[in-house]
Amino acid sequence: MLNWLSANWASLVVGLALAAVIAAVILKMIRDKKQNKSACGCSCSGCPGADYCHRS
């Protein structure tokens, strides 16, 4: 087991870093959705999709 870990440590580090980034993005999206923030960053007054973004 220790031999396998020492042979693949770089792949494990990259995989864990990638998983952390993906988790952070998902958490940010969830927080933004709960706070009714727009995904596009512009105002919703003239947006044809405003009804879909901010359903109650």
PDB file of N, CA and C in Angstrom:
ATOM      1  N   MET A   1       0.824  -1.193   0.000  1.00  0.00           N
ATOM      2  CA  MET A   1       0.000   0.000   0.000  1.00  0.00           C
ATOM      3  C   MET A   1       0.869   1.257   0.000  1.00  0.00           C
ATOM      4  N   LEU A   2       1.895   1.269   0.839  1.00  0.00           N
ATOM      5  CA  LEU A   2       2.777   2.429   0.912  1.00  0.00           C
ATOM      6  C   LEU A   2       3.522   2.643  -0.405  1.00  0.00           C
ATOM      7  N   ASN A   3       3.871   1.557  -1.074  1.00  0.00           N
ATOM      8  CA  ASN A   3       4.540   1.679  -2.378  1.00  0.00           C
ATOM      9  C   ASN A   3       3.614   2.325  -3.405  1.00  0.00           C
ATOM     10  N   TRP A   4       2.344   1.938  -3.381  1.00  0.00           N
ATOM     11  CA  TRP A   4       1.387   2.500  -4.324  1.00  0.00           C
ATOM     12  C   TRP A   4       1.193   3.994  -4.060  1.00  0.00           C
ATOM     13  N   LEU A   5       1.097   4.370  -2.792  1.00  0.00           N
ATOM     14  CA  LEU A   5       0.935   5.783  -2.443  1.00  0.00           C
ATOM     15  C   LEU A   5       2.142   6.604  -2.877  1.00  0.00           C
ATOM     16  N   SER A   6       3.330   6.085  -2.653  1.00  0.00           N
ATOM     17  CA  SER A   6       4.527   6.827  -3.032  1.00  0.00           C
ATOM     18  C   SER A   6       4.678   6.916  -4.551  1.00  0.00           C
ATOM     19  N   ALA A   7       4.152   5.947  -5.274  1.00  0.00           N
ATOM     20  CA  ALA A   7       4.242   5.973  -6.731  1.00  0.00           C
ATOM     21  C   ALA A   7       3.190   6.894  -7.353  1.00  0.00           C
ATOM     22  N   ASN A   8       2.094   7.133  -6.649  1.00  0.00           N
ATOM     23  CA  ASN A   8       0.978   7.893  -7.234  1.00  0.00           C
ATOM     24  C   ASN A   8       0.632   9.144  -6.449  1.00  0.00           C
ATOM     25  N   TRP A   9       1.533   9.669  -5.661  1.00  0.00           N
ATOM     26  CA  TRP A   9       1.214  10.814  -4.809  1.00  0.00           C
ATOM     27  C   TRP A   9       0.847  12.053  -5.617  1.00  0.00           C
ATOM     28  N   ALA A  10       1.508  12.257  -6.752  1.00  0.00           N
ATOM     29  CA  ALA A  10       1.218  13.449  -7.563  1.00  0.00           C
ATOM     30  C   ALA A  10      -0.199  13.402  -8.124  1.00  0.00           C
ATOM     31  N   SER A  11      -0.613  12.253  -8.600  1.00  0.00           N
ATOM     32  CA  SER A  11      -1.972  12.108  -9.123  1.00  0.00           C
ATOM     33  C   SER A  11      -3.005  12.300  -8.023  1.00  0.00           C
ATOM     34  N   LEU A  12      -2.703  11.809  -6.839  1.00  0.00           N
ATOM     35  CA  LEU A  12      -3.623  11.963  -5.713  1.00  0.00           C
ATOM     36  C   LEU A  12      -3.766  13.430  -5.312  1.00  0.00           C
ATOM     37  N   VAL A  13      -2.675  14.148  -5.292  1.00  0.00           N
ATOM     38  CA  VAL A  13      -2.715  15.572  -4.920  1.00  0.00           C
ATOM     39  C   VAL A  13      -3.516  16.362  -5.945  1.00  0.00           C
ATOM     40  N   VAL A  14      -3.288  16.108  -7.218  1.00  0.00           N
ATOM     41  CA  VAL A  14      -4.018  16.807  -8.274  1.00  0.00           C
ATOM     42  C   VAL A  14      -5.510  16.460  -8.207  1.00  0.00           C
ATOM     43  N   GLY A  15      -5.827  15.205  -7.974  1.00  0.00           N
ATOM     44  CA  GLY A  15      -7.218  14.784  -7.868  1.00  0.00           C
ATOM     45  C   GLY A  15      -7.921  15.423  -6.688  1.00  0.00           C
ATOM     46  N   LEU A  16      -7.246  15.483  -5.553  1.00  0.00           N
ATOM     47  CA  LEU A  16      -7.844  16.112  -4.373  1.00  0.00           C
ATOM     48  C   LEU A  16      -8.027  17.618  -4.574  1.00  0.00           C
ATOM     49  N   ALA A  17      -7.075  18.262  -5.220  1.00  0.00           N
ATOM     50  CA  ALA A  17      -7.202  19.693  -5.496  1.00  0.00           C
ATOM     51  C   ALA A  17      -8.365  19.956  -6.452  1.00  0.00           C
ATOM     52  N   LEU A  18      -8.513  19.131  -7.453  1.00  0.00           N
ATOM     53  CA  LEU A  18      -9.611  19.274  -8.402  1.00  0.00           C
ATOM     54  C   LEU A  18     -10.958  19.054  -7.706  1.00  0.00           C
ATOM     55  N   ALA A  19     -11.047  18.065  -6.840  1.00  0.00           N
ATOM     56  CA  ALA A  19     -12.278  17.808  -6.100  1.00  0.00           C
ATOM     57  C   ALA A  19     -12.620  18.987  -5.188  1.00  0.00           C
ATOM     58  N   ALA A  20     -11.616  19.605  -4.581  1.00  0.00           N
ATOM     59  CA  ALA A  20     -11.852  20.766  -3.720  1.00  0.00           C
ATOM     60  C   ALA A  20     -12.381  21.955  -4.524  1.00  0.00           C
ATOM     61  N   VAL A  21     -11.837  22.169  -5.703  1.00  0.00           N
ATOM     62  CA  VAL A  21     -12.298  23.276  -6.553  1.00  0.00           C
ATOM     63  C   VAL A  21     -13.743  23.041  -6.992  1.00  0.00           C
ATOM     64  N   ILE A  22     -14.056  21.832  -7.387  1.00  0.00           N
ATOM     65  CA  ILE A  22     -15.421  21.505  -7.819  1.00  0.00           C
ATOM     66  C   ILE A  22     -16.394  21.680  -6.659  1.00  0.00           C
ATOM     67  N   ALA A  23     -16.023  21.235  -5.467  1.00  0.00           N
ATOM     68  CA  ALA A  23     -16.884  21.399  -4.293  1.00  0.00           C
ATOM     69  C   ALA A  23     -17.104  22.871  -3.973  1.00  0.00           C
ATOM     70  N   ALA A  24     -16.061  23.684  -4.094  1.00  0.00           N
ATOM     71  CA  ALA A  24     -16.187  25.115  -3.824  1.00  0.00           C
ATOM     72  C   ALA A  24     -17.124  25.783  -4.830  1.00  0.00           C
ATOM     73  N   VAL A  25     -17.045  25.402  -6.086  1.00  0.00           N
ATOM     74  CA  VAL A  25     -17.922  25.968  -7.113  1.00  0.00           C
ATOM     75  C   VAL A  25     -19.376  25.586  -6.839  1.00  0.00           C
ATOM     76  N   ILE A  26     -19.610  24.335  -6.485  1.00  0.00           N
ATOM     77  CA  ILE A  26     -20.972  23.886  -6.193  1.00  0.00           C
ATOM     78  C   ILE A  26     -21.535  24.611  -4.980  1.00  0.00           C
ATOM     79  N   LEU A  27     -20.736  24.756  -3.931  1.00  0.00           N
ATOM     80  CA  LEU A  27     -21.202  25.477  -2.748  1.00  0.00           C
ATOM     81  C   LEU A  27     -21.510  26.937  -3.059  1.00  0.00           C
ATOM     82  N   LYS A  28     -20.696  27.578  -3.892  1.00  0.00           N
ATOM     83  CA  LYS A  28     -20.939  28.960  -4.292  1.00  0.00           C
ATOM     84  C   LYS A  28     -22.243  29.077  -5.067  1.00  0.00           C
ATOM     85  N   MET A  29     -22.497  28.133  -5.945  1.00  0.00           N
ATOM     86  CA  MET A  29     -23.732  28.148  -6.713  1.00  0.00           C
ATOM     87  C   MET A  29     -24.953  27.969  -5.810  1.00  0.00           C
ATOM     88  N   ILE A  30     -24.841  27.105  -4.821  1.00  0.00           N
ATOM     89  CA  ILE A  30     -25.945  26.880  -3.882  1.00  0.00           C
ATOM     90  C   ILE A  30     -26.205  28.132  -3.060  1.00  0.00           C
ATOM     91  N   ARG A  31     -25.151  28.760  -2.563  1.00  0.00           N
ATOM     92  CA  ARG A  31     -25.305  29.995  -1.779  1.00  0.00           C
ATOM     93  C   ARG A  31     -25.918  31.108  -2.614  1.00  0.00           C
ATOM     94  N   ASP A  32     -25.473  31.259  -3.850  1.00  0.00           N
ATOM     95  CA  ASP A  32     -26.018  32.285  -4.724  1.00  0.00           C
ATOM     96  C   ASP A  32     -27.495  32.027  -5.021  1.00  0.00           C
ATOM     97  N   LYS A  33     -27.854  30.787  -5.215  1.00  0.00           N
ATOM     98  CA  LYS A  33     -29.245  30.446  -5.500  1.00  0.00           C
ATOM     99  C   LYS A  33     -30.132  30.773  -4.294  1.00  0.00           C
ATOM    100  N   LYS A  34     -29.648  30.483  -3.084  1.00  0.00           N
ATOM    101  CA  LYS A  34     -30.417  30.773  -1.877  1.00  0.00           C
ATOM    102  C   LYS A  34     -30.585  32.272  -1.660  1.00  0.00           C
ATOM    103  N   GLN A  35     -29.638  33.082  -2.129  1.00  0.00           N
ATOM    104  CA  GLN A  35     -29.696  34.537  -1.971  1.00  0.00           C
ATOM    105  C   GLN A  35     -30.330  35.215  -3.180  1.00  0.00           C
ATOM    106  N   ASN A  36     -30.895  34.435  -4.097  1.00  0.00           N
ATOM    107  CA  ASN A  36     -31.546  34.931  -5.306  1.00  0.00           C
ATOM    108  C   ASN A  36     -30.640  35.822  -6.155  1.00  0.00           C
ATOM    109  N   LYS A  37     -29.382  35.472  -6.239  1.00  0.00           N
ATOM    110  CA  LYS A  37     -28.460  36.220  -7.092  1.00  0.00           C
ATOM    111  C   LYS A  37     -28.562  35.698  -8.519  1.00  0.00           C
ATOM    112  N   SER A  38     -28.427  36.604  -9.466  1.00  0.00           N
ATOM    113  CA  SER A  38     -28.503  36.246 -10.872  1.00  0.00           C
ATOM    114  C   SER A  38     -27.207  35.577 -11.313  1.00  0.00           C
ATOM    115  N   ALA A  39     -27.326  34.617 -12.187  1.00  0.00           N
ATOM    116  CA  ALA A  39     -26.153  33.908 -12.688  1.00  0.00           C
ATOM    117  C   ALA A  39     -25.379  34.736 -13.708  1.00  0.00           C
ATOM    118  N   CYS A  40     -26.065  35.655 -14.387  1.00  0.00           N
ATOM    119  CA  CYS A  40     -25.402  36.403 -15.452  1.00  0.00           C
ATOM    120  C   CYS A  40     -24.756  37.688 -14.938  1.00  0.00           C
ATOM    121  N   GLY A  41     -25.179  38.184 -13.787  1.00  0.00           N
ATOM    122  CA  GLY A  41     -24.571  39.364 -13.213  1.00  0.00           C
ATOM    123  C   GLY A  41     -25.150  40.685 -13.688  1.00  0.00           C
ATOM    124  N   CYS A  42     -26.175  40.647 -14.532  1.00  0.00           N
ATOM    125  CA  CYS A  42     -26.782  41.894 -14.998  1.00  0.00           C
ATOM    126  C   CYS A  42     -28.148  42.076 -14.342  1.00  0.00           C
ATOM    127  N   SER A  43     -28.781  43.199 -14.603  1.00  0.00           N
ATOM    128  CA  SER A  43     -30.071  43.447 -13.968  1.00  0.00           C
ATOM    129  C   SER A  43     -31.144  42.592 -14.625  1.00  0.00           C
ATOM    130  N   CYS A  44     -32.158  42.281 -13.856  1.00  0.00           N
ATOM    131  CA  CYS A  44     -33.209  41.393 -14.338  1.00  0.00           C
ATOM    132  C   CYS A  44     -34.392  42.145 -14.938  1.00  0.00           C
ATOM    133  N   SER A  45     -34.377  43.474 -14.896  1.00  0.00           N
ATOM    134  CA  SER A  45     -35.537  44.233 -15.349  1.00  0.00           C
ATOM    135  C   SER A  45     -35.830  44.021 -16.835  1.00  0.00           C
ATOM    136  N   GLY A  46     -34.818  43.873 -17.654  1.00  0.00           N
ATOM    137  CA  GLY A  46     -35.038  43.692 -19.080  1.00  0.00           C
ATOM    138  C   GLY A  46     -34.757  42.288 -19.566  1.00  0.00           C
ATOM    139  N   CYS A  47     -34.555  41.382 -18.667  1.00  0.00           N
ATOM    140  CA  CYS A  47     -34.183  40.013 -19.039  1.00  0.00           C
ATOM    141  C   CYS A  47     -35.430  39.175 -19.332  1.00  0.00           C
ATOM    142  N   PRO A  48     -35.494  38.510 -20.482  1.00  0.00           N
ATOM    143  CA  PRO A  48     -36.653  37.678 -20.779  1.00  0.00           C
ATOM    144  C   PRO A  48     -36.705  36.419 -19.921  1.00  0.00           C
ATOM    145  N   GLY A  49     -35.611  36.025 -19.306  1.00  0.00           N
ATOM    146  CA  GLY A  49     -35.595  34.821 -18.480  1.00  0.00           C
ATOM    147  C   GLY A  49     -35.716  35.094 -16.999  1.00  0.00           C
ATOM    148  N   ALA A  50     -36.082  36.313 -16.612  1.00  0.00           N
ATOM    149  CA  ALA A  50     -36.156  36.680 -15.193  1.00  0.00           C
ATOM    150  C   ALA A  50     -37.160  35.842 -14.430  1.00  0.00           C
ATOM    151  N   ASP A  51     -38.240  35.434 -15.090  1.00  0.00           N
ATOM    152  CA  ASP A  51     -39.242  34.602 -14.417  1.00  0.00           C
ATOM    153  C   ASP A  51     -38.670  33.243 -14.025  1.00  0.00           C
ATOM    154  N   TYR A  52     -37.738  32.749 -14.805  1.00  0.00           N
ATOM    155  CA  TYR A  52     -37.156  31.430 -14.535  1.00  0.00           C
ATOM    156  C   TYR A  52     -36.068  31.498 -13.465  1.00  0.00           C
ATOM    157  N   CYS A  53     -35.365  32.597 -13.374  1.00  0.00           N
ATOM    158  CA  CYS A  53     -34.273  32.734 -12.408  1.00  0.00           C
ATOM    159  C   CYS A  53     -34.793  32.920 -10.983  1.00  0.00           C
ATOM    160  N   HIS A  54     -35.864  33.672 -10.825  1.00  0.00           N
ATOM    161  CA  HIS A  54     -36.310  34.076  -9.494  1.00  0.00           C
ATOM    162  C   HIS A  54     -37.714  33.576  -9.173  1.00  0.00           C
ATOM    163  N   ARG A  55     -37.901  32.289  -9.334  1.00  0.00           N
ATOM    164  CA  ARG A  55     -39.182  31.704  -8.951  1.00  0.00           C
ATOM    165  C   ARG A  55     -39.277  31.628  -7.456  1.00  0.00           C
ATOM    166  N   SER A  56     -40.442  31.810  -6.944  1.00  0.00           N
ATOM    167  CA  SER A  56     -40.656  31.725  -5.493  1.00  0.00           C
ATOM    168  C   SER A  56     -41.365  30.459  -5.127  1.00  0.00           C
TER     169      SER A  56
END
